[in-house]
């Protein structure tokens, strides 16, 4: 009986971890898509866009 309880707790913990990972991922996706929307093609070169995607904000002249 204790083994079943332990496996249920383990599964719940795993589900919570997955949920937290999903929230982090969604937040990251939101940030990236916002950066891409803000980076208008007229004044951004391809290298600037790759910096935005790479997350190297210090190399991004527009920030």
Protein backbone atom coordinates (compact mmCIF):
# COMPACT_ATOMS: atom_id res chain seq x y z
CA UNK A 1 0.00 0.00 0.00
CA UNK A 2 2.80 2.44 0.82
CA UNK A 3 4.41 1.68 -2.53
CA UNK A 4 1.24 2.73 -4.38
CA UNK A 5 1.05 5.92 -2.33
CA UNK A 6 4.68 6.68 -3.07
CA UNK A 7 4.15 6.22 -6.81
CA UNK A 8 1.11 8.53 -6.71
CA UNK A 9 3.13 11.21 -4.92
CA UNK A 10 5.96 10.74 -7.39
CA UNK A 11 3.58 11.12 -10.34
CA UNK A 12 2.03 14.26 -8.84
CA UNK A 13 5.49 15.74 -8.32
CA UNK A 14 6.40 14.93 -11.92
CA UNK A 15 3.20 16.58 -13.18
CA UNK A 16 3.91 19.72 -11.15
CA UNK A 17 7.46 19.87 -12.53
CA UNK A 18 6.11 19.50 -16.08
CA UNK A 19 3.62 22.28 -15.43
CA UNK A 20 6.36 24.59 -14.11
CA UNK A 21 8.52 23.80 -17.15
CA UNK A 22 5.56 24.57 -19.41
CA UNK A 23 4.95 27.92 -17.72
CA UNK A 24 8.63 28.84 -18.08
CA UNK A 25 8.58 27.80 -21.72
CA UNK A 26 5.43 29.81 -22.40
CA UNK A 27 6.94 32.88 -20.72
CA UNK A 28 10.11 32.47 -22.79
CA UNK A 29 8.08 32.08 -26.00
CA UNK A 30 6.10 35.21 -25.19
CA UNK A 31 9.33 37.16 -24.65
CA UNK A 32 10.85 35.95 -27.93
CA UNK A 33 7.72 36.67 -29.95
CA UNK A 34 7.46 40.14 -28.39
CA UNK A 35 11.09 40.81 -29.29
CA UNK A 36 10.49 39.61 -32.85
CA UNK A 37 7.41 41.83 -33.18
CA UNK A 38 9.35 44.83 -31.84
CA UNK A 39 12.24 44.16 -34.22
CA UNK A 40 10.91 45.74 -37.37
CA UNK A 41 12.70 44.55 -40.53
CA UNK A 42 13.25 48.13 -41.76
CA UNK A 43 15.80 49.06 -39.10
CA UNK A 44 17.12 45.65 -38.02
CA UNK A 45 19.71 43.61 -39.84
CA UNK A 46 19.75 39.82 -39.89
CA UNK A 47 22.56 39.73 -37.33
CA UNK A 48 20.48 41.81 -34.92
CA UNK A 49 17.60 39.36 -35.31
CA UNK A 50 19.92 36.46 -34.54
CA UNK A 51 21.06 38.28 -31.38
CA UNK A 52 17.43 38.64 -30.35
CA UNK A 53 16.79 34.95 -30.95
CA UNK A 54 20.02 34.02 -29.22
CA UNK A 55 19.05 36.06 -26.18
CA UNK A 56 22.19 38.20 -26.30
CA UNK A 57 20.50 41.45 -25.35
CA UNK A 58 23.78 43.25 -24.72
CA UNK A 59 24.66 42.92 -28.42
CA UNK A 60 21.31 44.29 -29.53
CA UNK A 61 21.72 47.98 -30.41
CA UNK A 62 17.99 48.72 -30.23
CA UNK A 63 17.75 47.95 -26.48
